C-alpha atoms as a PDB file:
ATOM      1  CA  MET A   1     105.089  72.549  88.652  1.00  0.00           C
ATOM      2  CA  MET A   2     107.456  74.954  86.970  1.00  0.00           C
ATOM      3  CA  LYS A   3     108.974  78.360  87.631  1.00  0.00           C
ATOM      4  CA  LEU A   4     107.286  81.355  86.044  1.00  0.00           C
ATOM      5  CA  ARG A   5     110.681  82.303  84.543  1.00  0.00           C
ATOM      6  CA  GLU A   6     110.476  79.236  82.274  1.00  0.00           C
ATOM      7  CA  ILE A   7     107.682  80.809  80.206  1.00  0.00           C
ATOM      8  CA  ALA A   8     108.025  84.556  80.883  1.00  0.00           C
ATOM      9  CA  HIS A   9     110.347  87.452  81.550  1.00  0.00           C
ATOM     10  CA  SER A  10     109.766  90.599  83.557  1.00  0.00           C
ATOM     11  CA  ARG A  11     110.523  94.286  84.090  1.00  0.00           C
ATOM     12  CA  THR A  12     109.992  96.410  87.189  1.00  0.00           C
ATOM     13  CA  GLY A  13     109.270 100.067  87.843  1.00  0.00           C
ATOM     14  CA  ASP A  14     108.382 102.154  90.852  1.00  0.00           C
ATOM     15  CA  LYS A  15     106.673 105.381  91.836  1.00  0.00           C
ATOM     16  CA  GLY A  16     106.700 106.362  95.469  1.00  0.00           C
ATOM     17  CA  ASN A  17     105.583 103.347  97.491  1.00  0.00           C
ATOM     18  CA  ILE A  18     104.111 101.549  94.450  1.00  0.00           C
ATOM     19  CA  SER A  19     105.884  98.760  92.587  1.00  0.00           C
ATOM     20  CA  ASN A  20     104.897  97.895  89.039  1.00  0.00           C
ATOM     21  CA  ILE A  21     105.924  94.531  87.600  1.00  0.00           C
ATOM     22  CA  SER A  22     105.342  93.386  84.047  1.00  0.00           C
ATOM     23  CA  VAL A  23     105.193  89.682  83.236  1.00  0.00           C
ATOM     24  CA  ILE A  24     105.624  88.985  79.536  1.00  0.00           C
ATOM     25  CA  ALA A  25     105.172  85.549  77.964  1.00  0.00           C
ATOM     26  CA  TYR A  26     107.889  84.334  75.625  1.00  0.00           C
ATOM     27  CA  LYS A  27     105.253  82.562  73.512  1.00  0.00           C
ATOM     28  CA  GLN A  28     101.605  83.413  72.898  1.00  0.00           C
ATOM     29  CA  GLU A  29     100.446  79.915  73.882  1.00  0.00           C
ATOM     30  CA  ASP A  30     101.808  80.439  77.422  1.00  0.00           C
ATOM     31  CA  TYR A  31      99.823  83.628  78.054  1.00  0.00           C
ATOM     32  CA  GLU A  32      96.731  81.711  79.270  1.00  0.00           C
ATOM     33  CA  THR A  33      98.833  79.790  81.804  1.00  0.00           C
ATOM     34  CA  ILE A  34     100.289  83.044  83.081  1.00  0.00           C
ATOM     35  CA  LYS A  35      96.832  84.659  83.366  1.00  0.00           C
ATOM     36  CA  LYS A  36      95.524  81.719  85.404  1.00  0.00           C
ATOM     37  CA  SER A  37      98.603  81.506  87.609  1.00  0.00           C
ATOM     38  CA  VAL A  38      99.420  85.156  88.329  1.00  0.00           C
ATOM     39  CA  THR A  39      96.261  86.451  89.990  1.00  0.00           C
ATOM     40  CA  PRO A  40      96.031  89.297  92.528  1.00  0.00           C
ATOM     41  CA  GLU A  41      95.338  86.765  95.287  1.00  0.00           C
ATOM     42  CA  LYS A  42      98.317  84.561  94.429  1.00  0.00           C
ATOM     43  CA  VAL A  43     100.674  87.536  94.057  1.00  0.00           C
ATOM     44  CA  LYS A  44      99.453  88.959  97.393  1.00  0.00           C
ATOM     45  CA  ALA A  45     100.114  85.621  99.113  1.00  0.00           C
ATOM     46  CA  TYR A  46     103.511  85.286  97.416  1.00  0.00           C
ATOM     47  CA  PHE A  47     104.611  88.774  98.534  1.00  0.00           C
ATOM     48  CA  SER A  48     102.820  88.626 101.904  1.00  0.00           C
ATOM     49  CA  GLY A  49     105.863  89.777 103.875  1.00  0.00           C
ATOM     50  CA  ILE A  50     106.602  92.657 101.504  1.00  0.00           C
ATOM     51  CA  VAL A  51     103.401  94.108 100.018  1.00  0.00           C
ATOM     52  CA  LYS A  52     101.086  95.702 102.556  1.00  0.00           C
ATOM     53  CA  GLY A  53      98.508  97.216 100.171  1.00  0.00           C
ATOM     54  CA  ARG A  54      96.269  96.052  97.376  1.00  0.00           C
ATOM     55  CA  ILE A  55      97.391  94.421  94.163  1.00  0.00           C
ATOM     56  CA  ILE A  56      95.833  95.002  90.761  1.00  0.00           C
ATOM     57  CA  VAL A  57      96.665  92.819  87.752  1.00  0.00           C
ATOM     58  CA  TYR A  58      95.972  94.323  84.340  1.00  0.00           C
ATOM     59  CA  GLN A  59      95.767  91.931  81.396  1.00  0.00           C
ATOM     60  CA  LEU A  60      97.394  92.960  78.115  1.00  0.00           C
ATOM     61  CA  PRO A  61      96.522  90.119  75.719  1.00  0.00           C
ATOM     62  CA  ASN A  62      97.880  91.822  72.589  1.00  0.00           C
ATOM     63  CA  LEU A  63     101.300  91.918  74.270  1.00  0.00           C
ATOM     64  CA  TRP A  64     100.949  88.479  75.957  1.00  0.00           C
ATOM     65  CA  ALA A  65     101.602  90.322  79.199  1.00  0.00           C
ATOM     66  CA  LEU A  66     100.320  91.262  82.626  1.00  0.00           C
ATOM     67  CA  ASN A  67     100.954  94.545  84.399  1.00  0.00           C
ATOM     68  CA  ILE A  68     100.954  94.052  88.180  1.00  0.00           C
ATOM     69  CA  VAL A  69     100.587  97.147  90.356  1.00  0.00           C
ATOM     70  CA  MET A  70     101.404  96.612  94.037  1.00  0.00           C
ATOM     71  CA  TYR A  71     100.574  99.352  96.544  1.00  0.00           C
ATOM     72  CA  GLU A  72     102.503  99.873  99.773  1.00  0.00           C
ATOM     73  CA  ALA A  73     105.212  97.622  98.397  1.00  0.00           C
ATOM     74  CA  LEU A  74     108.451  99.541  98.912  1.00  0.00           C
ATOM     75  CA  GLY A  75     108.653 100.211 102.634  1.00  0.00           C
ATOM     76  CA  GLY A  76     107.464 103.798 102.276  1.00  0.00           C
ATOM     77  CA  GLY A  77     109.162 104.575  98.977  1.00  0.00           C
ATOM     78  CA  VAL A  78     112.676 105.223  97.746  1.00  0.00           C
ATOM     79  CA  THR A  79     113.504 108.098 100.104  1.00  0.00           C
ATOM     80  CA  ARG A  80     111.924 106.481 103.170  1.00  0.00           C
ATOM     81  CA  SER A  81     112.630 102.768 102.831  1.00  0.00           C
ATOM     82  CA  LEU A  82     115.219 100.963 104.912  1.00  0.00           C
ATOM     83  CA  SER A  83     115.346  98.152 102.324  1.00  0.00           C
ATOM     84  CA  LEU A  84     118.600  97.420 100.530  1.00  0.00           C
ATOM     85  CA  ASP A  85     116.647  97.538  97.252  1.00  0.00           C
ATOM     86  CA  THR A  86     114.654 100.741  97.766  1.00  0.00           C
ATOM     87  CA  HIS A  87     113.413 100.792  94.145  1.00  0.00           C
ATOM     88  CA  GLY A  88     112.121  97.210  94.358  1.00  0.00           C
ATOM     89  CA  LYS A  89     113.924  96.163  91.162  1.00  0.00           C
ATOM     90  CA  SER A  90     114.602  92.710  92.592  1.00  0.00           C
ATOM     91  CA  LEU A  91     110.857  92.065  93.034  1.00  0.00           C
ATOM     92  CA  SER A  92     110.578  91.032  89.385  1.00  0.00           C
ATOM     93  CA  SER A  93     113.298  88.411  89.850  1.00  0.00           C
ATOM     94  CA  LEU A  94     111.570  87.198  92.978  1.00  0.00           C
ATOM     95  CA  LEU A  95     108.241  86.899  91.127  1.00  0.00           C
ATOM     96  CA  MET A  96     109.907  84.970  88.303  1.00  0.00           C
ATOM     97  CA  ASP A  97     110.881  82.372  90.911  1.00  0.00           C
ATOM     98  CA  MET A  98     107.198  81.710  91.738  1.00  0.00           C
ATOM     99  CA  GLU A  99     106.079  78.152  91.051  1.00  0.00           C
ATOM    100  CA  ILE A 100     103.041  77.752  88.816  1.00  0.00           C
ATOM    101  CA  GLU A 101     101.036  74.813  87.486  1.00  0.00           C
ATOM    102  CA  GLU A 102     101.822  73.594  83.994  1.00  0.00           C
ATOM    103  CA  GLU A 103      98.870  73.338  81.659  1.00  0.00           C
ATOM    104  CA  GLU A 104      98.193  69.697  80.709  1.00  0.00           C
ATOM    105  CA  ASN A 105      97.668  70.534  77.043  1.00  0.00           C
ATOM    106  CA  GLU A 106     101.036  72.283  76.697  1.00  0.00           C
ATOM    107  CA  ALA A 107     104.109  70.554  75.363  1.00  0.00           C
ATOM    108  CA  ASN A 108     106.891  72.390  77.262  1.00  0.00           C
END
């Protein structure tokens, strides 16, 4: 097992009650591991106490990246949320702490 942050970095955005997280591989050879490990089901389970709506993961192979869109993720949105982080910027750091399986054929 390893932390997602070992092979990727991330950025976060928001719009209303929707959080958008990008996961970008440092190296092209790690993109497949990220695709297999960061699925809508796994992200939904990982953020089960935070995200109430659906999760869509868009694959961007030319950028070695995923774009994760999480609905009902910010406690009602910036102007309505009682969260300390109303924009959800810390969600990307939290996702980078997710443990994923290492591919056997990788030499990390």
